[in-house]
């Protein structure tokens, strides 16, 4: 398989090859993405012993070792680059994967795509501090229909969050396209609520 899909620089190849010498023969490197395609996607690298190799894995042969990528992570690792950087006395492995996270939609993309991107990249990181998040269900006649999840479900401040926070931000960001926000969450207070 073409190893230009994921570029592992020579210093990184040498580093992996050296580390693999002390592992079981046939052990390779696994590259993966946690939460692929989302704003909080993260790339990871681990050793992949022979008994962890799956038939569905994509395999890239780097001569000194093989790289394994699960089929879910694979599309998000195109153009990824792994390097081993040494600066002074410090060395570290760096991973750049420009396609791992949610891509910013074009300015002329459908409104739902642009709003969803704004929610995932701006609003949900703010709500995550309180253990919550929102999901965009649909946009109908300029009204964003959303659902709260996590700690926001059942929170006594949800109306303030909705009107002053979420709706205010969306009206400011999309002034000619969004008229309001409607919450369709069935809020229940209880043990699952982050705040009571």
N, C-alpha and C. Protein backbone atom coordinates (compact mmCIF):
# COMPACT_ATOMS: atom_id res chain seq x y z
N UNK A 1 0.85 -1.20 0.00
CA UNK A 1 0.00 0.00 0.00
C UNK A 1 0.88 1.24 0.00
N UNK A 2 0.43 2.27 -0.64
CA UNK A 2 1.19 3.50 -0.80
C UNK A 2 1.47 4.16 0.56
N UNK A 3 2.78 4.30 0.91
CA UNK A 3 3.07 4.89 2.21
C UNK A 3 3.18 6.40 2.16
N UNK A 4 2.74 7.01 1.03
CA UNK A 4 2.65 8.47 1.00
C UNK A 4 1.33 8.92 1.62
N UNK A 5 0.41 7.97 1.85
CA UNK A 5 -0.88 8.29 2.48
C UNK A 5 -0.64 8.82 3.89
N UNK A 6 0.23 8.14 4.63
CA UNK A 6 0.69 8.60 5.94
C UNK A 6 2.20 8.71 5.84
N UNK A 7 2.74 9.90 6.04
CA UNK A 7 4.18 10.10 5.95
C UNK A 7 4.81 9.94 7.33
N UNK A 8 5.71 9.00 7.44
CA UNK A 8 6.51 8.86 8.65
C UNK A 8 7.93 9.25 8.26
N UNK A 9 8.43 10.33 8.83
CA UNK A 9 9.74 10.84 8.45
C UNK A 9 10.84 9.86 8.85
N UNK A 10 12.01 10.04 8.23
CA UNK A 10 13.14 9.14 8.52
C UNK A 10 13.49 9.12 10.01
N UNK A 11 13.58 10.28 10.70
CA UNK A 11 13.86 10.23 12.13
C UNK A 11 12.81 9.43 12.92
N UNK A 12 11.54 9.54 12.53
CA UNK A 12 10.48 8.80 13.22
C UNK A 12 10.58 7.31 12.91
N UNK A 13 10.87 6.96 11.66
CA UNK A 13 11.07 5.55 11.28
C UNK A 13 12.21 4.96 12.11
N UNK A 14 13.31 5.68 12.21
CA UNK A 14 14.46 5.19 12.99
C UNK A 14 14.09 5.02 14.46
N UNK A 15 13.33 5.98 15.00
CA UNK A 15 12.91 5.91 16.41
C UNK A 15 12.03 4.69 16.64
N UNK A 16 11.03 4.48 15.77
CA UNK A 16 10.15 3.32 15.91
C UNK A 16 10.93 2.03 15.78
N UNK A 17 11.81 1.95 14.78
CA UNK A 17 12.59 0.73 14.56
C UNK A 17 13.42 0.40 15.79
N UNK A 18 14.03 1.41 16.40
CA UNK A 18 14.83 1.19 17.61
C UNK A 18 13.97 0.69 18.77
N UNK A 19 12.80 1.28 18.95
CA UNK A 19 11.92 0.88 20.04
C UNK A 19 11.36 -0.53 19.84
N UNK A 20 11.13 -0.89 18.57
CA UNK A 20 10.55 -2.20 18.28
C UNK A 20 11.53 -3.36 18.48
N UNK A 21 12.82 -3.05 18.55
CA UNK A 21 13.82 -4.11 18.72
C UNK A 21 13.60 -4.91 20.00
N UNK A 22 13.05 -4.26 21.02
CA UNK A 22 12.85 -4.94 22.30
C UNK A 22 11.46 -5.59 22.41
N UNK A 23 10.69 -5.56 21.32
CA UNK A 23 9.36 -6.16 21.34
C UNK A 23 9.34 -7.49 20.61
N UNK A 24 8.25 -8.20 20.77
CA UNK A 24 8.04 -9.48 20.11
C UNK A 24 8.19 -9.34 18.60
N UNK A 25 8.86 -10.28 17.94
CA UNK A 25 8.99 -10.21 16.47
C UNK A 25 7.61 -10.12 15.81
N UNK A 26 7.53 -9.29 14.77
CA UNK A 26 6.25 -9.11 14.07
C UNK A 26 5.41 -7.97 14.64
N UNK A 27 5.89 -7.36 15.73
CA UNK A 27 5.16 -6.23 16.30
C UNK A 27 5.33 -5.02 15.38
N UNK A 28 4.24 -4.33 15.16
CA UNK A 28 4.28 -3.14 14.30
C UNK A 28 3.82 -1.92 15.07
N UNK A 29 3.43 -0.92 14.33
CA UNK A 29 2.95 0.34 14.90
C UNK A 29 1.49 0.51 14.49
N UNK A 30 0.64 0.85 15.45
CA UNK A 30 -0.76 1.15 15.14
C UNK A 30 -0.97 2.66 15.25
N UNK A 31 -1.58 3.24 14.21
CA UNK A 31 -1.93 4.65 14.23
C UNK A 31 -3.46 4.71 14.20
N UNK A 32 -4.03 5.57 15.04
CA UNK A 32 -5.49 5.59 15.16
C UNK A 32 -5.97 7.01 15.46
N UNK A 33 -7.27 7.21 15.29
CA UNK A 33 -7.90 8.48 15.62
C UNK A 33 -9.04 8.21 16.59
N UNK A 34 -9.03 8.91 17.72
CA UNK A 34 -10.14 8.83 18.68
C UNK A 34 -11.13 9.94 18.32
N UNK A 35 -12.40 9.63 18.27
CA UNK A 35 -13.46 10.57 17.85
C UNK A 35 -13.17 11.16 16.47
N UNK A 36 -12.89 10.32 15.47
CA UNK A 36 -12.55 10.85 14.14
C UNK A 36 -13.66 11.69 13.54
N UNK A 37 -13.26 12.79 12.89
CA UNK A 37 -14.22 13.67 12.22
C UNK A 37 -14.91 14.65 13.13
N UNK A 38 -14.60 14.61 14.43
CA UNK A 38 -15.22 15.55 15.36
C UNK A 38 -14.22 16.64 15.73
N UNK A 39 -14.72 17.68 16.39
CA UNK A 39 -13.83 18.78 16.78
C UNK A 39 -12.76 18.33 17.76
N UNK A 40 -13.10 17.36 18.61
CA UNK A 40 -12.12 16.92 19.62
C UNK A 40 -11.39 15.64 19.22
N UNK A 41 -11.27 15.40 17.91
CA UNK A 41 -10.52 14.24 17.43
C UNK A 41 -9.07 14.31 17.88
N UNK A 42 -8.52 13.16 18.25
CA UNK A 42 -7.12 13.09 18.64
C UNK A 42 -6.47 11.88 18.00
N UNK A 43 -5.24 12.04 17.55
CA UNK A 43 -4.50 10.94 16.94
C UNK A 43 -3.62 10.28 17.99
N UNK A 44 -3.41 9.01 17.79
CA UNK A 44 -2.56 8.27 18.72
C UNK A 44 -1.71 7.24 17.98
N UNK A 45 -0.65 6.83 18.65
CA UNK A 45 0.26 5.81 18.12
C UNK A 45 0.53 4.81 19.23
N UNK A 46 0.50 3.54 18.91
CA UNK A 46 0.81 2.52 19.91
C UNK A 46 1.53 1.35 19.22
N UNK A 47 2.13 0.48 20.03
CA UNK A 47 2.71 -0.74 19.48
C UNK A 47 1.57 -1.69 19.15
N UNK A 48 1.76 -2.48 18.10
CA UNK A 48 0.73 -3.42 17.66
C UNK A 48 1.33 -4.82 17.58
N UNK A 49 1.21 -5.61 18.67
CA UNK A 49 1.73 -6.98 18.63
C UNK A 49 0.96 -7.83 17.62
N UNK A 50 1.55 -8.93 17.18
CA UNK A 50 0.91 -9.74 16.13
C UNK A 50 -0.53 -10.15 16.45
N UNK A 51 -0.83 -10.42 17.73
CA UNK A 51 -2.20 -10.86 18.06
C UNK A 51 -3.21 -9.72 18.09
N UNK A 52 -2.77 -8.48 17.86
CA UNK A 52 -3.69 -7.34 17.78
C UNK A 52 -3.94 -6.89 16.34
N UNK A 53 -3.36 -7.58 15.40
CA UNK A 53 -3.54 -7.23 13.99
C UNK A 53 -4.88 -7.80 13.52
N UNK A 54 -5.70 -6.95 12.91
CA UNK A 54 -7.02 -7.37 12.43
C UNK A 54 -6.99 -7.52 10.91
N UNK A 55 -7.80 -8.43 10.38
CA UNK A 55 -7.86 -8.64 8.93
C UNK A 55 -8.29 -7.40 8.19
N UNK A 56 -9.12 -6.57 8.82
CA UNK A 56 -9.66 -5.38 8.16
C UNK A 56 -8.70 -4.19 8.20
N UNK A 57 -7.58 -4.32 8.93
CA UNK A 57 -6.63 -3.21 9.04
C UNK A 57 -6.03 -2.85 7.68
N UNK A 58 -5.80 -1.56 7.48
CA UNK A 58 -4.99 -1.11 6.35
C UNK A 58 -3.53 -1.27 6.79
N UNK A 59 -2.70 -1.76 5.89
CA UNK A 59 -1.31 -2.04 6.23
C UNK A 59 -0.38 -1.22 5.33
N UNK A 60 0.57 -0.52 5.95
CA UNK A 60 1.58 0.21 5.22
C UNK A 60 2.94 -0.37 5.61
N UNK A 61 3.71 -0.78 4.62
CA UNK A 61 5.00 -1.42 4.89
C UNK A 61 6.12 -0.38 4.83
N UNK A 62 6.82 -0.20 5.94
CA UNK A 62 7.94 0.73 6.01
C UNK A 62 9.28 0.00 6.07
N UNK A 63 9.34 -1.22 5.52
CA UNK A 63 10.55 -2.06 5.50
C UNK A 63 10.96 -2.51 6.91
N UNK A 64 11.30 -1.56 7.79
CA UNK A 64 11.75 -1.92 9.14
C UNK A 64 10.58 -2.43 9.99
N UNK A 65 9.36 -2.03 9.64
CA UNK A 65 8.16 -2.44 10.39
C UNK A 65 6.94 -2.14 9.54
N UNK A 66 5.80 -2.64 10.00
CA UNK A 66 4.53 -2.36 9.33
C UNK A 66 3.68 -1.45 10.20
N UNK A 67 2.89 -0.61 9.53
CA UNK A 67 1.96 0.29 10.22
C UNK A 67 0.55 -0.24 9.96
N UNK A 68 -0.26 -0.29 11.02
CA UNK A 68 -1.63 -0.79 10.93
C UNK A 68 -2.60 0.33 11.30
N UNK A 69 -3.65 0.46 10.49
CA UNK A 69 -4.67 1.49 10.73
C UNK A 69 -6.04 0.85 10.58
N UNK A 70 -6.90 1.03 11.59
CA UNK A 70 -8.24 0.46 11.52
C UNK A 70 -9.05 1.18 10.44
N UNK A 71 -10.07 0.53 9.89
CA UNK A 71 -10.82 1.13 8.77
C UNK A 71 -11.60 2.40 9.13
N UNK A 72 -11.95 2.59 10.42
CA UNK A 72 -12.67 3.80 10.81
C UNK A 72 -11.71 5.00 10.82
N UNK A 73 -10.50 4.79 11.32
CA UNK A 73 -9.52 5.88 11.38
C UNK A 73 -8.94 6.22 10.01
N UNK A 74 -8.85 5.24 9.13
CA UNK A 74 -8.14 5.37 7.87
C UNK A 74 -8.48 6.62 7.06
N UNK A 75 -9.76 6.92 6.77
CA UNK A 75 -10.04 8.10 5.93
C UNK A 75 -9.61 9.42 6.57
N UNK A 76 -9.48 9.44 7.89
CA UNK A 76 -9.13 10.67 8.59
C UNK A 76 -7.62 10.87 8.72
N UNK A 77 -6.85 9.87 8.27
CA UNK A 77 -5.39 9.97 8.39
C UNK A 77 -4.70 10.27 7.07
N UNK A 78 -5.47 10.54 6.03
CA UNK A 78 -4.86 10.93 4.76
C UNK A 78 -4.06 12.21 4.96
N UNK A 79 -2.84 12.24 4.46
CA UNK A 79 -1.91 13.38 4.57
C UNK A 79 -1.38 13.58 5.99
N UNK A 80 -1.54 12.58 6.84
CA UNK A 80 -0.97 12.68 8.19
C UNK A 80 0.55 12.57 8.10
N UNK A 81 1.22 13.23 9.04
CA UNK A 81 2.69 13.18 9.08
C UNK A 81 3.14 12.94 10.51
N UNK A 82 3.99 11.95 10.67
CA UNK A 82 4.57 11.64 11.98
C UNK A 82 6.05 11.91 11.91
N UNK A 83 6.54 12.70 12.85
CA UNK A 83 7.95 13.10 12.86
C UNK A 83 8.51 12.90 14.26
N UNK A 84 9.81 12.76 14.35
CA UNK A 84 10.51 12.69 15.64
C UNK A 84 11.45 13.88 15.66
N UNK A 85 11.13 14.86 16.51
CA UNK A 85 11.83 16.14 16.51
C UNK A 85 12.74 16.22 17.73
N UNK A 86 13.99 16.62 17.49
CA UNK A 86 14.93 16.82 18.58
C UNK A 86 15.33 18.29 18.61
N UNK A 87 15.09 18.91 19.76
CA UNK A 87 15.48 20.31 19.96
C UNK A 87 16.29 20.38 21.25
N UNK A 88 17.57 20.66 21.10
CA UNK A 88 18.45 20.69 22.27
C UNK A 88 18.51 19.32 22.91
N UNK A 89 18.16 19.24 24.18
CA UNK A 89 18.20 17.97 24.90
C UNK A 89 16.86 17.25 24.89
N UNK A 90 15.84 17.88 24.29
CA UNK A 90 14.51 17.29 24.31
C UNK A 90 14.13 16.71 22.95
N UNK A 91 13.48 15.56 23.00
CA UNK A 91 12.99 14.90 21.79
C UNK A 91 11.53 14.55 21.97
N UNK A 92 10.77 14.65 20.90
CA UNK A 92 9.36 14.25 21.00
C UNK A 92 8.81 13.82 19.64
N UNK A 93 7.84 12.93 19.72
CA UNK A 93 7.13 12.47 18.53
C UNK A 93 6.01 13.45 18.26
N UNK A 94 5.87 13.91 17.03
CA UNK A 94 4.79 14.82 16.67
C UNK A 94 3.91 14.18 15.60
N UNK A 95 2.61 14.40 15.73
CA UNK A 95 1.66 13.88 14.75
C UNK A 95 0.85 15.06 14.22
N UNK A 96 0.86 15.24 12.91
CA UNK A 96 0.01 16.23 12.27
C UNK A 96 -0.95 15.47 11.37
N UNK A 97 -2.24 15.66 11.62
CA UNK A 97 -3.26 14.98 10.82
C UNK A 97 -4.34 16.00 10.45
N UNK A 98 -4.13 16.72 9.36
CA UNK A 98 -5.04 17.81 9.01
C UNK A 98 -6.47 17.38 8.72
N UNK A 99 -6.68 16.10 8.44
CA UNK A 99 -8.03 15.64 8.09
C UNK A 99 -8.72 14.87 9.21
N UNK A 100 -8.10 14.84 10.41
CA UNK A 100 -8.67 14.06 11.51
C UNK A 100 -9.90 14.73 12.11
N UNK A 101 -9.88 16.06 12.15
CA UNK A 101 -10.98 16.80 12.77
C UNK A 101 -12.03 17.20 11.75
N UNK A 102 -13.09 17.73 12.27
CA UNK A 102 -14.18 18.23 11.42
C UNK A 102 -13.65 19.36 10.53
N UNK A 103 -13.93 19.28 9.26
CA UNK A 103 -13.46 20.32 8.34
C UNK A 103 -14.42 21.50 8.31
N UNK A 104 -13.83 22.69 8.23
CA UNK A 104 -14.65 23.91 8.16
C UNK A 104 -15.37 23.93 6.81
N UNK A 105 -16.70 24.09 6.84
CA UNK A 105 -17.43 24.13 5.56
C UNK A 105 -17.18 25.45 4.82
N UNK A 106 -17.33 25.40 3.53
CA UNK A 106 -17.18 26.61 2.70
C UNK A 106 -18.29 27.61 3.06
N UNK A 107 -18.05 28.89 2.73
CA UNK A 107 -19.04 29.94 3.03
C UNK A 107 -20.37 29.71 2.32
N UNK A 108 -20.34 29.01 1.18
CA UNK A 108 -21.58 28.77 0.44
C UNK A 108 -22.17 27.38 0.72
N UNK A 109 -21.65 26.70 1.75
CA UNK A 109 -22.17 25.39 2.13
C UNK A 109 -23.58 25.55 2.69
N UNK A 110 -24.37 24.46 2.72
CA UNK A 110 -25.71 24.55 3.30
C UNK A 110 -25.66 25.09 4.73
N UNK A 111 -26.69 25.85 5.10
CA UNK A 111 -26.75 26.48 6.42
C UNK A 111 -26.57 25.47 7.54
N UNK A 112 -27.20 24.30 7.41
CA UNK A 112 -27.12 23.31 8.49
C UNK A 112 -25.67 22.87 8.73
N UNK A 113 -24.87 22.77 7.66
CA UNK A 113 -23.46 22.38 7.82
C UNK A 113 -22.66 23.46 8.51
N UNK A 114 -22.93 24.73 8.15
CA UNK A 114 -22.19 25.84 8.76
C UNK A 114 -22.56 26.01 10.23
N UNK A 115 -23.86 25.86 10.54
CA UNK A 115 -24.30 25.98 11.94
C UNK A 115 -23.76 24.82 12.76
N UNK A 116 -23.82 23.61 12.22
CA UNK A 116 -23.32 22.44 12.95
C UNK A 116 -21.83 22.60 13.26
N UNK A 117 -21.08 23.10 12.30
CA UNK A 117 -19.64 23.33 12.52
C UNK A 117 -19.43 24.35 13.63
N UNK A 118 -20.22 25.42 13.63
CA UNK A 118 -20.09 26.46 14.66
C UNK A 118 -20.43 25.89 16.04
N UNK A 119 -21.46 25.07 16.10
CA UNK A 119 -21.84 24.45 17.38
C UNK A 119 -20.72 23.55 17.88
N UNK A 120 -20.16 22.72 16.99
CA UNK A 120 -19.13 21.76 17.42
C UNK A 120 -17.81 22.44 17.79
N UNK A 121 -17.49 23.54 17.12
CA UNK A 121 -16.18 24.16 17.35
C UNK A 121 -16.20 25.31 18.34
N UNK A 122 -17.34 25.96 18.52
CA UNK A 122 -17.41 27.13 19.41
C UNK A 122 -18.30 26.89 20.63
N UNK A 123 -19.52 26.44 20.41
CA UNK A 123 -20.48 26.32 21.51
C UNK A 123 -20.21 25.10 22.38
N UNK A 124 -20.06 23.92 21.77
CA UNK A 124 -19.87 22.71 22.59
C UNK A 124 -18.61 22.73 23.45
N UNK A 125 -17.49 23.29 22.98
CA UNK A 125 -16.35 23.39 23.89
C UNK A 125 -16.65 24.23 25.13
N UNK A 126 -17.51 25.26 25.00
CA UNK A 126 -17.91 26.05 26.17
C UNK A 126 -18.79 25.22 27.11
N UNK A 127 -19.74 24.47 26.53
CA UNK A 127 -20.63 23.65 27.35
C UNK A 127 -19.91 22.48 27.99
N UNK A 128 -18.84 22.01 27.35
CA UNK A 128 -18.08 20.87 27.87
C UNK A 128 -17.50 21.17 29.25
N UNK A 129 -17.23 22.45 29.53
CA UNK A 129 -16.72 22.84 30.85
C UNK A 129 -17.71 22.52 31.95
N UNK A 130 -18.99 22.37 31.58
CA UNK A 130 -20.04 22.06 32.56
C UNK A 130 -20.58 20.65 32.34
N UNK A 131 -19.86 19.87 31.57
CA UNK A 131 -20.26 18.48 31.34
C UNK A 131 -21.37 18.30 30.34
N UNK A 132 -21.67 19.33 29.54
CA UNK A 132 -22.80 19.24 28.61
C UNK A 132 -22.42 19.43 27.16
N UNK A 133 -23.42 19.32 26.31
CA UNK A 133 -23.25 19.54 24.88
C UNK A 133 -24.63 19.71 24.25
N UNK A 134 -24.66 20.21 23.02
CA UNK A 134 -25.92 20.25 22.27
C UNK A 134 -25.71 19.59 20.92
N UNK A 135 -26.80 19.08 20.39
CA UNK A 135 -26.79 18.46 19.06
C UNK A 135 -27.81 19.20 18.21
N UNK A 136 -27.41 19.58 17.00
CA UNK A 136 -28.33 20.23 16.07
C UNK A 136 -29.16 19.15 15.38
N UNK A 137 -30.48 19.23 15.56
CA UNK A 137 -31.38 18.23 14.96
C UNK A 137 -31.77 18.64 13.54
N UNK A 138 -32.21 19.90 13.38
CA UNK A 138 -32.61 20.41 12.06
C UNK A 138 -32.72 21.93 12.13
N UNK A 139 -32.85 22.54 10.97
CA UNK A 139 -33.16 23.97 10.89
C UNK A 139 -34.41 24.09 10.04
N UNK A 140 -35.46 24.64 10.64
CA UNK A 140 -36.74 24.73 9.93
C UNK A 140 -37.23 26.16 10.00
N UNK A 141 -37.41 26.77 8.84
CA UNK A 141 -37.88 28.17 8.74
C UNK A 141 -37.04 29.12 9.59
N UNK A 142 -35.72 28.91 9.56
CA UNK A 142 -34.81 29.79 10.30
C UNK A 142 -34.70 29.50 11.78
N UNK A 143 -35.37 28.46 12.26
CA UNK A 143 -35.31 28.08 13.68
C UNK A 143 -34.42 26.84 13.82
N UNK A 144 -33.37 26.98 14.63
CA UNK A 144 -32.48 25.84 14.91
C UNK A 144 -33.14 24.97 15.98
N UNK A 145 -33.35 23.73 15.66
CA UNK A 145 -33.92 22.78 16.62
C UNK A 145 -32.74 22.00 17.21
N UNK A 146 -32.58 22.13 18.53
CA UNK A 146 -31.43 21.50 19.19
C UNK A 146 -31.88 20.59 20.32
N UNK A 147 -30.94 19.74 20.73
CA UNK A 147 -31.18 18.87 21.87
C UNK A 147 -29.98 18.94 22.80
N UNK A 148 -30.25 19.13 24.09
CA UNK A 148 -29.18 19.16 25.08
C UNK A 148 -28.82 17.73 25.49
N UNK A 149 -27.55 17.55 25.86
CA UNK A 149 -27.11 16.26 26.37
C UNK A 149 -26.10 16.45 27.49
N UNK A 150 -25.74 15.35 28.11
CA UNK A 150 -24.77 15.42 29.20
C UNK A 150 -25.31 16.19 30.38
N UNK A 151 -24.46 17.00 31.00
CA UNK A 151 -24.83 17.75 32.19
C UNK A 151 -25.88 18.81 31.95
N UNK A 152 -26.11 19.19 30.69
CA UNK A 152 -27.13 20.22 30.41
C UNK A 152 -28.54 19.67 30.60
N UNK A 153 -28.71 18.35 30.46
CA UNK A 153 -30.04 17.77 30.58
C UNK A 153 -30.47 17.82 32.05
N UNK A 154 -31.52 18.58 32.32
CA UNK A 154 -32.02 18.70 33.67
C UNK A 154 -31.39 19.83 34.47
N UNK A 155 -30.48 20.57 33.88
CA UNK A 155 -29.83 21.68 34.58
C UNK A 155 -30.83 22.83 34.75
N UNK A 156 -30.86 23.42 35.94
CA UNK A 156 -31.81 24.50 36.21
C UNK A 156 -31.49 25.77 35.42
N UNK A 157 -30.27 25.88 34.89
CA UNK A 157 -29.87 27.07 34.14
C UNK A 157 -30.03 26.90 32.63
N UNK A 158 -30.67 25.81 32.20
CA UNK A 158 -30.72 25.50 30.77
C UNK A 158 -31.42 26.59 29.96
N UNK A 159 -32.48 27.22 30.51
CA UNK A 159 -33.19 28.27 29.77
C UNK A 159 -32.30 29.49 29.54
N UNK A 160 -31.51 29.84 30.56
CA UNK A 160 -30.57 30.97 30.43
C UNK A 160 -29.50 30.62 29.40
N UNK A 161 -28.97 29.40 29.50
CA UNK A 161 -27.96 28.95 28.55
C UNK A 161 -28.50 29.01 27.12
N UNK A 162 -29.75 28.56 26.96
CA UNK A 162 -30.36 28.52 25.63
C UNK A 162 -30.55 29.92 25.07
N UNK A 163 -31.19 30.81 25.82
CA UNK A 163 -31.55 32.13 25.29
C UNK A 163 -30.37 33.09 25.25
N UNK A 164 -29.66 33.22 26.36
CA UNK A 164 -28.58 34.21 26.41
C UNK A 164 -27.28 33.70 25.79
N UNK A 165 -27.07 32.40 25.88
CA UNK A 165 -25.82 31.85 25.36
C UNK A 165 -25.93 31.39 23.92
N UNK A 166 -26.59 30.26 23.74
CA UNK A 166 -26.63 29.60 22.43
C UNK A 166 -27.36 30.44 21.38
N UNK A 167 -28.60 30.84 21.70
CA UNK A 167 -29.38 31.61 20.73
C UNK A 167 -28.70 32.93 20.39
N UNK A 168 -28.18 33.61 21.41
CA UNK A 168 -27.49 34.88 21.19
C UNK A 168 -26.30 34.73 20.25
N UNK A 169 -25.51 33.68 20.47
CA UNK A 169 -24.34 33.46 19.62
C UNK A 169 -24.73 33.13 18.18
N UNK A 170 -25.76 32.29 18.02
CA UNK A 170 -26.16 31.89 16.67
C UNK A 170 -26.80 33.04 15.90
N UNK A 171 -27.60 33.87 16.59
CA UNK A 171 -28.20 35.04 15.93
C UNK A 171 -27.12 36.03 15.50
N UNK A 172 -26.09 36.17 16.32
CA UNK A 172 -25.00 37.08 15.98
C UNK A 172 -24.16 36.54 14.83
N UNK A 173 -23.92 35.24 14.83
CA UNK A 173 -23.08 34.61 13.81
C UNK A 173 -23.79 34.47 12.46
N UNK A 174 -25.11 34.22 12.51
CA UNK A 174 -25.89 34.00 11.27
C UNK A 174 -27.10 34.95 11.26
N UNK A 175 -26.85 36.29 11.26
CA UNK A 175 -27.93 37.27 11.48
C UNK A 175 -29.04 37.23 10.43
N UNK A 176 -28.74 36.92 9.21
CA UNK A 176 -29.77 36.95 8.16
C UNK A 176 -30.39 35.58 7.90
N UNK A 177 -29.91 34.55 8.63
CA UNK A 177 -30.37 33.20 8.33
C UNK A 177 -31.06 32.51 9.50
N UNK A 178 -30.66 32.86 10.73
CA UNK A 178 -31.24 32.23 11.92
C UNK A 178 -32.15 33.22 12.63
N UNK A 179 -33.37 32.76 12.96
CA UNK A 179 -34.34 33.62 13.66
C UNK A 179 -34.47 33.26 15.14
N UNK A 180 -34.11 32.05 15.48
CA UNK A 180 -34.25 31.61 16.87
C UNK A 180 -33.78 30.18 17.05
N UNK A 181 -33.88 29.71 18.31
CA UNK A 181 -33.47 28.36 18.66
C UNK A 181 -34.56 27.72 19.49
N UNK A 182 -34.88 26.47 19.18
CA UNK A 182 -35.90 25.74 19.95
C UNK A 182 -35.28 24.47 20.52
N UNK A 183 -35.51 24.25 21.80
CA UNK A 183 -34.99 23.08 22.51
C UNK A 183 -36.04 21.99 22.52
N UNK A 184 -35.69 20.79 22.04
CA UNK A 184 -36.64 19.68 22.04
C UNK A 184 -36.27 18.61 23.08
N UNK A 185 -35.34 18.96 23.97
CA UNK A 185 -34.91 18.01 25.01
C UNK A 185 -36.03 17.82 26.03
N UNK A 186 -36.24 16.57 26.43
CA UNK A 186 -37.16 16.31 27.53
C UNK A 186 -36.33 16.37 28.81
N UNK A 187 -36.27 17.56 29.39
CA UNK A 187 -35.42 17.76 30.57
C UNK A 187 -36.02 17.09 31.79
N UNK A 188 -35.19 16.30 32.44
CA UNK A 188 -35.61 15.64 33.66
C UNK A 188 -34.52 15.85 34.69
N UNK A 189 -34.90 16.30 35.87
CA UNK A 189 -33.90 16.40 36.93
C UNK A 189 -33.74 15.04 37.55
N UNK A 190 -32.58 14.77 38.03
CA UNK A 190 -32.34 13.46 38.64
C UNK A 190 -30.85 13.23 38.80
N UNK A 191 -30.51 11.98 39.06
CA UNK A 191 -29.11 11.63 39.32
C UNK A 191 -28.22 11.86 38.12
N UNK A 192 -28.81 11.82 36.90
CA UNK A 192 -28.00 11.97 35.71
C UNK A 192 -27.62 13.42 35.46
N UNK A 193 -28.28 14.36 36.11
CA UNK A 193 -28.01 15.77 35.85
C UNK A 193 -26.68 16.16 36.47
N UNK A 194 -25.97 16.98 35.76
CA UNK A 194 -24.66 17.43 36.25
C UNK A 194 -24.84 18.38 37.42
N UNK A 195 -25.78 19.33 37.27
CA UNK A 195 -26.11 20.24 38.35
C UNK A 195 -27.56 20.00 38.76
N UNK A 196 -27.85 20.07 40.05
CA UNK A 196 -29.23 19.83 40.52
C UNK A 196 -29.70 21.07 41.24
